[in-house]
Amino acid sequence: MKNIMNDMMQEIEQNDTIIIHRHVRPDPDAYGSQLGLKYYLEAKYPNKHIYAVGENEPSLEFIGTFDEISDEVYKEALVIVCDTANSPRIDDQRYQNGLKVLKIDHHPAIDQYGDINYVSTEASSTSEIIYDFITHFNDERIIDEKTARVLYLGIVGDTGRFLFNNTTPHTMEVASKLIAFPFDPNAELNKMSEKDPKLLPFQGYILQNFELDNVGYCQVKITRDILEEYNIQPNEASQFVNTIADIQGLKIWMFGVDEGDQIRCRIRSKGKIIINDVANDFGGGGHPNASGVSVYSWTEFDNLANALKQKIK
């Protein structure tokens, strides 16, 4: 794997323009790995043109913002895609227009779309991989507060604040080194969990309308009329996926939001119950304990629910 890192750095050194992508519907790790890599490369190669692109997610704007570039920039550019398992989920399909594509990820390698692929499923997050990438080249000295902050937030996001079982001793070691930089981790974590007061009545709806069975499976269905009643957007609704996570005896839960053209299902599990294989069967994917799927009817949603219940049995 170290040889792959060396090959990637050789490509980076040979190109003056680098464009960094990540997946659609970004989470903190997508932001953290993408921006962390950008900030690191800007510090290491101040004469290169380095861009991070993709749609802004309003709930994550406190982490950072992205560049807008023309199609022309891709003609002489190296493209790096962070935290994205399969090519259809890459935000901004112009990634294909670059000279070469490098993939850096920690999801199971179901689609090796890069010319060079670095995938480590042992890592808690792609942000953790970016830190290891930096230290592999003995560049800890050029990590600054800005880089450390976004990488830390990426790790925190994908480990559920270090509660998920993808948290390893190495993860904690990396996190301890990052919080040594002069940013306020508590203030940043508060920003990550804060919600607009207008959304809290919707949280009350969830707590009164979840469906829990007697084997430890729970689901929430958010239909278009509920979104309209509470004046909430689908991306805002998705922030509440873990509202029911503390139910006693809960093993698997699914949060489905009707987005009009699809029903976006966010699936979570606890302990050793793996759910990304079910997600893959339905055209989605993700982590063993946190995955996502798009279905196109509530009947298909119910079929997915039945498959998840089988995982408990």
C-alpha atoms as a PDB file:
ATOM      1  CA  MET A   1       0.000   0.000   0.000  1.00  0.00           C
ATOM      2  CA  LYS A   2       2.921   2.333   0.652  1.00  0.00           C
ATOM      3  CA  ASN A   3       4.015   1.828  -2.950  1.00  0.00           C
ATOM      4  CA  ILE A   4       0.581   3.009  -4.066  1.00  0.00           C
ATOM      5  CA  MET A   5       0.997   6.173  -2.000  1.00  0.00           C
ATOM      6  CA  ASN A   6       4.367   6.734  -3.664  1.00  0.00           C
ATOM      7  CA  ASP A   7       2.794   6.271  -7.114  1.00  0.00           C
ATOM      8  CA  MET A   8       0.097   8.791  -6.240  1.00  0.00           C
ATOM      9  CA  MET A   9       2.578  11.363  -5.030  1.00  0.00           C
ATOM     10  CA  GLN A  10       4.595  10.926  -8.214  1.00  0.00           C
ATOM     11  CA  GLU A  11       1.464  11.781 -10.229  1.00  0.00           C
ATOM     12  CA  ILE A  12       0.797  14.788  -8.014  1.00  0.00           C
ATOM     13  CA  GLU A  13       4.350  16.039  -8.465  1.00  0.00           C
ATOM     14  CA  GLN A  14       4.105  15.719 -12.250  1.00  0.00           C
ATOM     15  CA  ASN A  15       0.930  17.806 -12.597  1.00  0.00           C
ATOM     16  CA  ASP A  16       0.531  21.533 -12.042  1.00  0.00           C
ATOM     17  CA  THR A  17      -3.270  21.436 -11.792  1.00  0.00           C
ATOM     18  CA  ILE A  18      -5.064  19.126  -9.365  1.00  0.00           C
ATOM     19  CA  ILE A  19      -8.833  18.886  -8.937  1.00  0.00           C
ATOM     20  CA  ILE A  20     -10.222  17.059  -5.899  1.00  0.00           C
ATOM     21  CA  HIS A  21     -13.723  15.524  -5.926  1.00  0.00           C
ATOM     22  CA  ARG A  22     -15.873  13.570  -3.439  1.00  0.00           C
ATOM     23  CA  HIS A  23     -19.306  11.963  -3.340  1.00  0.00           C
ATOM     24  CA  VAL A  24     -22.768  13.460  -3.713  1.00  0.00           C
ATOM     25  CA  ARG A  25     -24.756  14.020  -0.504  1.00  0.00           C
ATOM     26  CA  PRO A  26     -21.518  14.801   1.338  1.00  0.00           C
ATOM     27  CA  ASP A  27     -20.924  13.993   4.985  1.00  0.00           C
ATOM     28  CA  PRO A  28     -18.188  15.364   7.267  1.00  0.00           C
ATOM     29  CA  ASP A  29     -15.662  12.773   6.076  1.00  0.00           C
ATOM     30  CA  ALA A  30     -16.253  13.713   2.434  1.00  0.00           C
ATOM     31  CA  TYR A  31     -15.650  17.364   3.330  1.00  0.00           C
ATOM     32  CA  GLY A  32     -12.778  16.620   5.685  1.00  0.00           C
ATOM     33  CA  SER A  33     -10.790  14.348   3.376  1.00  0.00           C
ATOM     34  CA  GLN A  34     -11.314  16.522   0.312  1.00  0.00           C
ATOM     35  CA  LEU A  35     -10.455  19.828   1.980  1.00  0.00           C
ATOM     36  CA  GLY A  36      -7.725  18.297   4.140  1.00  0.00           C
ATOM     37  CA  LEU A  37      -5.976  16.978   1.057  1.00  0.00           C
ATOM     38  CA  LYS A  38      -6.381  20.327  -0.695  1.00  0.00           C
ATOM     39  CA  TYR A  39      -4.928  22.322   2.209  1.00  0.00           C
ATOM     40  CA  TYR A  40      -2.019  19.900   2.591  1.00  0.00           C
ATOM     41  CA  LEU A  41      -1.124  19.984  -1.106  1.00  0.00           C
ATOM     42  CA  GLU A  42      -1.394  23.780  -1.189  1.00  0.00           C
ATOM     43  CA  ALA A  43       1.114  23.955   1.669  1.00  0.00           C
ATOM     44  CA  LYS A  44       3.465  21.404   0.074  1.00  0.00           C
ATOM     45  CA  TYR A  45       3.221  22.776  -3.464  1.00  0.00           C
ATOM     46  CA  PRO A  46       2.410  26.514  -3.272  1.00  0.00           C
ATOM     47  CA  ASN A  47       2.963  26.983  -7.023  1.00  0.00           C
ATOM     48  CA  LYS A  48       0.396  24.378  -8.118  1.00  0.00           C
ATOM     49  CA  HIS A  49      -3.261  25.121  -8.880  1.00  0.00           C
ATOM     50  CA  ILE A  50      -5.353  22.978  -6.540  1.00  0.00           C
ATOM     51  CA  TYR A  51      -9.140  22.970  -6.462  1.00  0.00           C
ATOM     52  CA  ALA A  52     -11.822  21.187  -4.426  1.00  0.00           C
ATOM     53  CA  VAL A  53     -15.173  20.973  -6.211  1.00  0.00           C
ATOM     54  CA  GLY A  54     -18.729  19.849  -5.524  1.00  0.00           C
ATOM     55  CA  GLU A  55     -22.113  21.106  -4.380  1.00  0.00           C
ATOM     56  CA  ASN A  56     -22.153  22.847  -1.021  1.00  0.00           C
ATOM     57  CA  GLU A  57     -24.171  21.147   1.721  1.00  0.00           C
ATOM     58  CA  PRO A  58     -25.699  23.951   3.847  1.00  0.00           C
ATOM     59  CA  SER A  59     -25.501  21.992   7.101  1.00  0.00           C
ATOM     60  CA  LEU A  60     -21.738  21.520   6.590  1.00  0.00           C
ATOM     61  CA  GLU A  61     -20.785  24.987   5.387  1.00  0.00           C
ATOM     62  CA  PHE A  62     -19.038  25.634   8.697  1.00  0.00           C
ATOM     63  CA  ILE A  63     -16.401  23.063   7.651  1.00  0.00           C
ATOM     64  CA  GLY A  64     -15.482  24.813   4.416  1.00  0.00           C
ATOM     65  CA  THR A  65     -16.541  25.862   0.929  1.00  0.00           C
ATOM     66  CA  PHE A  66     -15.644  24.743  -2.578  1.00  0.00           C
ATOM     67  CA  ASP A  67     -14.261  26.087  -5.816  1.00  0.00           C
ATOM     68  CA  GLU A  68     -16.128  26.796  -9.040  1.00  0.00           C
ATOM     69  CA  ILE A  69     -14.025  26.012 -12.115  1.00  0.00           C
ATOM     70  CA  SER A  70     -14.626  25.914 -15.850  1.00  0.00           C
ATOM     71  CA  ASP A  71     -14.511  22.824 -18.069  1.00  0.00           C
ATOM     72  CA  GLU A  72     -11.233  24.086 -19.534  1.00  0.00           C
ATOM     73  CA  VAL A  73      -9.376  23.536 -16.264  1.00  0.00           C
ATOM     74  CA  TYR A  74      -9.801  19.750 -16.560  1.00  0.00           C
ATOM     75  CA  LYS A  75      -7.888  19.476 -19.829  1.00  0.00           C
ATOM     76  CA  GLU A  76      -4.478  19.561 -18.131  1.00  0.00           C
ATOM     77  CA  ALA A  77      -5.515  18.382 -14.669  1.00  0.00           C
ATOM     78  CA  LEU A  78      -4.943  15.404 -12.431  1.00  0.00           C
ATOM     79  CA  VAL A  79      -8.187  14.399 -10.689  1.00  0.00           C
ATOM     80  CA  ILE A  80      -8.308  12.901  -7.189  1.00  0.00           C
ATOM     81  CA  VAL A  81     -11.583  11.473  -5.842  1.00  0.00           C
ATOM     82  CA  CYS A  82     -11.925  11.079  -2.086  1.00  0.00           C
ATOM     83  CA  ASP A  83     -14.333   8.946  -0.053  1.00  0.00           C
ATOM     84  CA  THR A  84     -16.364   7.619  -3.003  1.00  0.00           C
ATOM     85  CA  ALA A  85     -16.810   3.875  -3.556  1.00  0.00           C
ATOM     86  CA  ASN A  86     -18.392   3.902  -7.003  1.00  0.00           C
ATOM     87  CA  SER A  87     -18.182   6.309  -9.921  1.00  0.00           C
ATOM     88  CA  PRO A  88     -21.912   7.163 -10.301  1.00  0.00           C
ATOM     89  CA  ARG A  89     -21.764   8.748  -6.825  1.00  0.00           C
ATOM     90  CA  ILE A  90     -18.931  11.145  -7.669  1.00  0.00           C
ATOM     91  CA  ASP A  91     -20.139  14.724  -7.326  1.00  0.00           C
ATOM     92  CA  ASP A  92     -19.532  16.476 -10.666  1.00  0.00           C
ATOM     93  CA  GLN A  93     -19.066  13.953 -13.427  1.00  0.00           C
ATOM     94  CA  ARG A  94     -16.497  16.178 -15.103  1.00  0.00           C
ATOM     95  CA  TYR A  95     -13.961  14.169 -13.130  1.00  0.00           C
ATOM     96  CA  GLN A  96     -13.769  11.982 -16.272  1.00  0.00           C
ATOM     97  CA  ASN A  97     -12.292  14.885 -18.254  1.00  0.00           C
ATOM     98  CA  GLY A  98      -8.985  14.962 -16.384  1.00  0.00           C
ATOM     99  CA  LEU A  99      -5.718  13.425 -17.576  1.00  0.00           C
ATOM    100  CA  LYS A 100      -5.793  10.721 -14.886  1.00  0.00           C
ATOM    101  CA  VAL A 101      -7.950   9.793 -11.897  1.00  0.00           C
ATOM    102  CA  LEU A 102      -6.674   8.783  -8.461  1.00  0.00           C
ATOM    103  CA  LYS A 103      -9.065   7.193  -5.962  1.00  0.00           C
ATOM    104  CA  ILE A 104      -8.573   7.440  -2.172  1.00  0.00           C
ATOM    105  CA  ASP A 105     -11.236   5.660  -0.130  1.00  0.00           C
ATOM    106  CA  HIS A 106     -12.063   3.416   2.817  1.00  0.00           C
ATOM    107  CA  HIS A 107     -15.266   1.795   1.526  1.00  0.00           C
ATOM    108  CA  PRO A 108     -15.223  -1.767   0.134  1.00  0.00           C
ATOM    109  CA  ALA A 109     -13.679  -1.661  -3.338  1.00  0.00           C
ATOM    110  CA  ILE A 110     -16.715  -2.410  -5.491  1.00  0.00           C
ATOM    111  CA  ASP A 111     -15.715  -0.047  -8.322  1.00  0.00           C
ATOM    112  CA  GLN A 112     -12.033   0.639  -8.923  1.00  0.00           C
ATOM    113  CA  TYR A 113     -12.582   3.523 -11.341  1.00  0.00           C
ATOM    114  CA  GLY A 114      -9.220   5.199 -10.770  1.00  0.00           C
ATOM    115  CA  ASP A 115      -6.037   4.832 -12.766  1.00  0.00           C
ATOM    116  CA  ILE A 116      -4.482   4.378  -9.329  1.00  0.00           C
ATOM    117  CA  ASN A 117      -6.638   3.201  -6.413  1.00  0.00           C
ATOM    118  CA  TYR A 118      -5.767   3.422  -2.725  1.00  0.00           C
ATOM    119  CA  VAL A 119      -8.494   1.725  -0.660  1.00  0.00           C
ATOM    120  CA  SER A 120      -8.069   0.829   3.005  1.00  0.00           C
ATOM    121  CA  THR A 121     -11.178  -0.655   4.592  1.00  0.00           C
ATOM    122  CA  GLU A 122      -9.323  -0.846   7.911  1.00  0.00           C
ATOM    123  CA  ALA A 123      -9.336   2.941   8.182  1.00  0.00           C
ATOM    124  CA  SER A 124     -12.142   4.604  10.107  1.00  0.00           C
ATOM    125  CA  SER A 125     -12.495   7.266   7.450  1.00  0.00           C
ATOM    126  CA  THR A 126     -10.889   8.719   4.377  1.00  0.00           C
ATOM    127  CA  SER A 127      -9.792  11.645   6.540  1.00  0.00           C
ATOM    128  CA  GLU A 128      -7.711   9.183   8.566  1.00  0.00           C
ATOM    129  CA  ILE A 129      -6.161   7.930   5.312  1.00  0.00           C
ATOM    130  CA  ILE A 130      -5.280  11.489   4.285  1.00  0.00           C
ATOM    131  CA  TYR A 131      -3.479  11.961   7.604  1.00  0.00           C
ATOM    132  CA  ASP A 132      -1.573   8.713   7.011  1.00  0.00           C
ATOM    133  CA  PHE A 133      -0.775   9.908   3.485  1.00  0.00           C
ATOM    134  CA  ILE A 134       0.725  13.093   4.905  1.00  0.00           C
ATOM    135  CA  THR A 135       2.783  11.284   7.527  1.00  0.00           C
ATOM    136  CA  HIS A 136       3.986   8.679   5.026  1.00  0.00           C
ATOM    137  CA  PHE A 137       5.926  11.489   3.366  1.00  0.00           C
ATOM    138  CA  ASN A 138       7.140  12.874   6.715  1.00  0.00           C
ATOM    139  CA  ASP A 139       5.141  16.048   6.166  1.00  0.00           C
ATOM    140  CA  GLU A 140       3.677  16.431   9.665  1.00  0.00           C
ATOM    141  CA  ARG A 141       5.581  19.706   9.928  1.00  0.00           C
ATOM    142  CA  ILE A 142       3.421  21.332   7.248  1.00  0.00           C
ATOM    143  CA  ILE A 143       0.095  20.322   8.797  1.00  0.00           C
ATOM    144  CA  ASP A 144      -1.488  23.522  10.036  1.00  0.00           C
ATOM    145  CA  GLU A 145      -4.553  24.340  12.126  1.00  0.00           C
ATOM    146  CA  LYS A 146      -6.779  24.527   9.035  1.00  0.00           C
ATOM    147  CA  THR A 147      -5.783  21.074   7.799  1.00  0.00           C
ATOM    148  CA  ALA A 148      -5.945  19.474  11.252  1.00  0.00           C
ATOM    149  CA  ARG A 149      -9.423  20.880  11.898  1.00  0.00           C
ATOM    150  CA  VAL A 150     -11.096  19.457   8.794  1.00  0.00           C
ATOM    151  CA  LEU A 151      -9.406  16.058   9.112  1.00  0.00           C
ATOM    152  CA  TYR A 152     -10.511  15.830  12.743  1.00  0.00           C
ATOM    153  CA  LEU A 153     -14.107  16.652  11.816  1.00  0.00           C
ATOM    154  CA  GLY A 154     -14.021  14.027   9.078  1.00  0.00           C
ATOM    155  CA  ILE A 155     -12.852  11.360  11.519  1.00  0.00           C
ATOM    156  CA  VAL A 156     -15.391  12.401  14.147  1.00  0.00           C
ATOM    157  CA  GLY A 157     -18.177  12.251  11.582  1.00  0.00           C
ATOM    158  CA  ASP A 158     -17.452   8.755  10.304  1.00  0.00           C
ATOM    159  CA  THR A 159     -16.831   7.284  13.752  1.00  0.00           C
ATOM    160  CA  GLY A 160     -19.975   8.767  15.281  1.00  0.00           C
ATOM    161  CA  ARG A 161     -17.829  10.712  17.739  1.00  0.00           C
ATOM    162  CA  PHE A 162     -15.748   7.578  18.306  1.00  0.00           C
ATOM    163  CA  LEU A 163     -18.775   5.462  19.258  1.00  0.00           C
ATOM    164  CA  PHE A 164     -18.823   3.248  16.148  1.00  0.00           C
ATOM    165  CA  ASN A 165     -16.833   0.022  16.030  1.00  0.00           C
ATOM    166  CA  ASN A 166     -14.670   1.352  13.185  1.00  0.00           C
ATOM    167  CA  THR A 167     -12.807   3.350  15.842  1.00  0.00           C
ATOM    168  CA  THR A 168      -9.388   1.746  16.287  1.00  0.00           C
ATOM    169  CA  PRO A 169      -6.381   2.555  18.487  1.00  0.00           C
ATOM    170  CA  HIS A 170      -4.791   4.143  15.410  1.00  0.00           C
ATOM    171  CA  THR A 171      -7.894   6.295  14.916  1.00  0.00           C
ATOM    172  CA  MET A 172      -7.596   7.605  18.464  1.00  0.00           C
ATOM    173  CA  GLU A 173      -3.875   8.181  18.003  1.00  0.00           C
ATOM    174  CA  VAL A 174      -4.493  10.262  14.876  1.00  0.00           C
ATOM    175  CA  ALA A 175      -7.282  12.215  16.574  1.00  0.00           C
ATOM    176  CA  SER A 176      -5.066  12.975  19.566  1.00  0.00           C
ATOM    177  CA  LYS A 177      -2.414  14.443  17.280  1.00  0.00           C
ATOM    178  CA  LEU A 178      -4.942  16.551  15.381  1.00  0.00           C
ATOM    179  CA  ILE A 179      -6.552  18.126  18.450  1.00  0.00           C
ATOM    180  CA  ALA A 180      -3.104  19.263  19.565  1.00  0.00           C
ATOM    181  CA  PHE A 181      -3.440  22.026  16.959  1.00  0.00           C
ATOM    182  CA  PRO A 182      -4.919  25.368  18.088  1.00  0.00           C
ATOM    183  CA  PHE A 183      -8.566  24.942  17.119  1.00  0.00           C
ATOM    184  CA  ASP A 184     -11.406  24.370  19.578  1.00  0.00           C
ATOM    185  CA  PRO A 185     -12.672  20.800  19.044  1.00  0.00           C
ATOM    186  CA  ASN A 186     -15.613  21.256  21.427  1.00  0.00           C
ATOM    187  CA  ALA A 187     -16.822  24.321  19.568  1.00  0.00           C
ATOM    188  CA  GLU A 188     -16.500  22.487  16.257  1.00  0.00           C
ATOM    189  CA  LEU A 189     -18.431  19.457  17.532  1.00  0.00           C
ATOM    190  CA  ASN A 190     -21.175  21.773  18.754  1.00  0.00           C
ATOM    191  CA  LYS A 191     -21.448  23.211  15.248  1.00  0.00           C
ATOM    192  CA  MET A 192     -21.710  19.693  13.851  1.00  0.00           C
ATOM    193  CA  SER A 193     -24.697  18.847  16.063  1.00  0.00           C
ATOM    194  CA  GLU A 194     -26.502  22.198  16.096  1.00  0.00           C
ATOM    195  CA  LYS A 195     -29.832  22.432  14.261  1.00  0.00           C
ATOM    196  CA  ASP A 196     -32.005  25.321  13.186  1.00  0.00           C
ATOM    197  CA  PRO A 197     -34.754  25.835  15.802  1.00  0.00           C
ATOM    198  CA  LYS A 198     -37.382  25.665  13.061  1.00  0.00           C
ATOM    199  CA  LEU A 199     -36.465  21.998  12.527  1.00  0.00           C
ATOM    200  CA  LEU A 200     -37.122  20.841  16.081  1.00  0.00           C
ATOM    201  CA  PRO A 201     -40.898  20.314  15.665  1.00  0.00           C
ATOM    202  CA  PHE A 202     -39.956  17.819  12.945  1.00  0.00           C
ATOM    203  CA  GLN A 203     -37.786  16.003  15.472  1.00  0.00           C
ATOM    204  CA  GLY A 204     -40.857  15.776  17.681  1.00  0.00           C
ATOM    205  CA  TYR A 205     -42.756  14.190  14.799  1.00  0.00           C
ATOM    206  CA  ILE A 206     -40.081  11.498  14.459  1.00  0.00           C
ATOM    207  CA  LEU A 207     -40.187  10.675  18.160  1.00  0.00           C
ATOM    208  CA  GLN A 208     -43.950  10.214  17.972  1.00  0.00           C
ATOM    209  CA  ASN A 209     -44.087   8.267  14.707  1.00  0.00           C
ATOM    210  CA  PHE A 210     -41.235   5.761  14.609  1.00  0.00           C
ATOM    211  CA  GLU A 211     -42.187   2.127  13.991  1.00  0.00           C
ATOM    212  CA  LEU A 212     -40.414  -0.330  16.307  1.00  0.00           C
ATOM    213  CA  ASP A 213     -40.915  -4.101  16.195  1.00  0.00           C
ATOM    214  CA  ASN A 214     -40.118  -6.699  18.846  1.00  0.00           C
ATOM    215  CA  VAL A 215     -36.830  -7.942  17.303  1.00  0.00           C
ATOM    216  CA  GLY A 216     -34.946  -4.648  17.393  1.00  0.00           C
ATOM    217  CA  TYR A 217     -35.780  -3.179  13.998  1.00  0.00           C
ATOM    218  CA  CYS A 218     -37.110   0.381  13.745  1.00  0.00           C
ATOM    219  CA  GLN A 219     -38.044   2.562  10.792  1.00  0.00           C
ATOM    220  CA  VAL A 220     -39.192   6.090  10.051  1.00  0.00           C
ATOM    221  CA  LYS A 221     -41.058   7.031   6.879  1.00  0.00           C
ATOM    222  CA  ILE A 222     -40.990  10.675   5.845  1.00  0.00           C
ATOM    223  CA  THR A 223     -43.459  11.308   3.024  1.00  0.00           C
ATOM    224  CA  ARG A 224     -43.761  14.417   0.890  1.00  0.00           C
ATOM    225  CA  ASP A 225     -46.757  15.689   2.852  1.00  0.00           C
ATOM    226  CA  ILE A 226     -44.764  15.525   6.098  1.00  0.00           C
ATOM    227  CA  LEU A 227     -41.935  17.527   4.548  1.00  0.00           C
ATOM    228  CA  GLU A 228     -44.456  20.136   3.409  1.00  0.00           C
ATOM    229  CA  GLU A 229     -46.264  20.209   6.754  1.00  0.00           C
ATOM    230  CA  TYR A 230     -43.037  20.928   8.635  1.00  0.00           C
ATOM    231  CA  ASN A 231     -41.576  23.128   5.872  1.00  0.00           C
ATOM    232  CA  ILE A 232     -38.402  21.070   5.754  1.00  0.00           C
ATOM    233  CA  GLN A 233     -36.144  20.059   2.877  1.00  0.00           C
ATOM    234  CA  PRO A 234     -35.046  16.427   2.316  1.00  0.00           C
ATOM    235  CA  ASN A 235     -31.405  17.230   3.151  1.00  0.00           C
ATOM    236  CA  GLU A 236     -32.547  18.843   6.393  1.00  0.00           C
ATOM    237  CA  ALA A 237     -34.662  15.815   7.260  1.00  0.00           C
ATOM    238  CA  SER A 238     -31.674  13.532   6.818  1.00  0.00           C
ATOM    239  CA  GLN A 239     -29.918  15.235   9.736  1.00  0.00           C
ATOM    240  CA  PHE A 240     -32.299  13.404  12.083  1.00  0.00           C
ATOM    241  CA  VAL A 241     -31.362   9.836  11.112  1.00  0.00           C
ATOM    242  CA  ASN A 242     -29.953   9.163  14.592  1.00  0.00           C
ATOM    243  CA  THR A 243     -32.850  10.679  16.526  1.00  0.00           C
ATOM    244  CA  ILE A 244     -34.021   7.166  17.457  1.00  0.00           C
ATOM    245  CA  ALA A 245     -30.532   5.671  17.914  1.00  0.00           C
ATOM    246  CA  ASP A 246     -30.806   5.466  21.710  1.00  0.00           C
ATOM    247  CA  ILE A 247     -33.876   3.226  21.838  1.00  0.00           C
ATOM    248  CA  GLN A 248     -33.231   0.327  24.182  1.00  0.00           C
ATOM    249  CA  GLY A 249     -32.767  -2.961  22.328  1.00  0.00           C
ATOM    250  CA  LEU A 250     -32.402  -1.278  18.935  1.00  0.00           C
ATOM    251  CA  LYS A 251     -30.293  -3.261  16.450  1.00  0.00           C
ATOM    252  CA  ILE A 252     -31.089  -1.874  12.980  1.00  0.00           C
ATOM    253  CA  TRP A 253     -32.944   1.251  11.942  1.00  0.00           C
ATOM    254  CA  MET A 254     -33.874   2.808   8.609  1.00  0.00           C
ATOM    255  CA  PHE A 255     -34.806   6.409   7.873  1.00  0.00           C
ATOM    256  CA  GLY A 256     -36.615   6.888   4.567  1.00  0.00           C
ATOM    257  CA  VAL A 257     -37.242  10.314   3.023  1.00  0.00           C
ATOM    258  CA  ASP A 258     -39.346  10.812  -0.110  1.00  0.00           C
ATOM    259  CA  GLU A 259     -37.315  13.191  -2.258  1.00  0.00           C
ATOM    260  CA  GLY A 260     -39.767  13.168  -5.167  1.00  0.00           C
ATOM    261  CA  ASP A 261     -37.792  11.199  -7.736  1.00  0.00           C
ATOM    262  CA  GLN A 262     -36.623   8.643  -5.161  1.00  0.00           C
ATOM    263  CA  ILE A 263     -36.948   7.573  -1.554  1.00  0.00           C
ATOM    264  CA  ARG A 264     -33.560   7.977   0.074  1.00  0.00           C
ATOM    265  CA  CYS A 265     -33.033   5.364   2.784  1.00  0.00           C
ATOM    266  CA  ARG A 266     -30.363   5.783   5.434  1.00  0.00           C
ATOM    267  CA  ILE A 267     -29.623   2.544   7.261  1.00  0.00           C
ATOM    268  CA  ARG A 268     -27.789   2.133  10.555  1.00  0.00           C
ATOM    269  CA  SER A 269     -26.952  -0.825  12.796  1.00  0.00           C
ATOM    270  CA  LYS A 270     -25.257  -1.530  16.094  1.00  0.00           C
ATOM    271  CA  GLY A 271     -22.505  -3.903  17.101  1.00  0.00           C
ATOM    272  CA  LYS A 272     -21.533  -6.662  14.709  1.00  0.00           C
ATOM    273  CA  ILE A 273     -24.674  -6.552  12.582  1.00  0.00           C
ATOM    274  CA  ILE A 274     -23.471  -5.777   9.049  1.00  0.00           C
ATOM    275  CA  ILE A 275     -25.951  -4.018   6.773  1.00  0.00           C
ATOM    276  CA  ASN A 276     -23.904  -2.795   3.801  1.00  0.00           C
ATOM    277  CA  ASP A 277     -24.318  -6.172   2.078  1.00  0.00           C
ATOM    278  CA  VAL A 278     -28.089  -5.635   2.070  1.00  0.00           C
ATOM    279  CA  ALA A 279     -27.546  -2.086   0.850  1.00  0.00           C
ATOM    280  CA  ASN A 280     -25.410  -3.421  -2.003  1.00  0.00           C
ATOM    281  CA  ASP A 281     -28.134  -5.907  -2.961  1.00  0.00           C
ATOM    282  CA  PHE A 282     -30.546  -2.989  -3.400  1.00  0.00           C
ATOM    283  CA  GLY A 283     -28.134  -0.844  -5.408  1.00  0.00           C
ATOM    284  CA  GLY A 284     -26.674   1.165  -2.556  1.00  0.00           C
ATOM    285  CA  GLY A 285     -23.650   0.763  -0.339  1.00  0.00           C
ATOM    286  CA  GLY A 286     -21.618   2.169   2.498  1.00  0.00           C
ATOM    287  CA  HIS A 287     -20.099   0.997   5.749  1.00  0.00           C
ATOM    288  CA  PRO A 288     -20.880  -2.184   7.728  1.00  0.00           C
ATOM    289  CA  ASN A 289     -22.902  -0.148  10.255  1.00  0.00           C
ATOM    290  CA  ALA A 290     -23.935   2.871   8.170  1.00  0.00           C
ATOM    291  CA  SER A 291     -25.183   2.626   4.600  1.00  0.00           C
ATOM    292  CA  GLY A 292     -27.547   4.231   2.134  1.00  0.00           C
ATOM    293  CA  VAL A 293     -29.932   3.083  -0.591  1.00  0.00           C
ATOM    294  CA  SER A 294     -32.308   4.782  -3.009  1.00  0.00           C
ATOM    295  CA  VAL A 295     -35.614   3.013  -3.710  1.00  0.00           C
ATOM    296  CA  TYR A 296     -38.443   4.155  -5.926  1.00  0.00           C
ATOM    297  CA  SER A 297     -41.613   3.134  -4.104  1.00  0.00           C
ATOM    298  CA  TRP A 298     -42.745   2.473  -0.555  1.00  0.00           C
ATOM    299  CA  THR A 299     -43.305  -1.136  -1.604  1.00  0.00           C
ATOM    300  CA  GLU A 300     -39.613  -1.398  -2.420  1.00  0.00           C
ATOM    301  CA  PHE A 301     -38.907   0.286   0.911  1.00  0.00           C
ATOM    302  CA  ASP A 302     -40.868  -2.485   2.634  1.00  0.00           C
ATOM    303  CA  ASN A 303     -38.897  -5.136   0.741  1.00  0.00           C
ATOM    304  CA  LEU A 304     -35.684  -3.538   1.928  1.00  0.00           C
ATOM    305  CA  ALA A 305     -37.033  -3.487   5.480  1.00  0.00           C
ATOM    306  CA  ASN A 306     -37.796  -7.217   5.312  1.00  0.00           C
ATOM    307  CA  ALA A 307     -34.258  -7.947   4.135  1.00  0.00           C
ATOM    308  CA  LEU A 308     -32.853  -5.960   7.054  1.00  0.00           C
ATOM    309  CA  LYS A 309     -35.040  -7.820   9.529  1.00  0.00           C
ATOM    310  CA  GLN A 310     -33.555 -11.075   8.264  1.00  0.00           C
ATOM    311  CA  LYS A 311     -30.136  -9.801   9.309  1.00  0.00           C
ATOM    312  CA  ILE A 312     -31.359  -9.649  12.902  1.00  0.00           C
ATOM    313  CA  LYS A 313     -32.846 -13.143  12.795  1.00  0.00           C
END
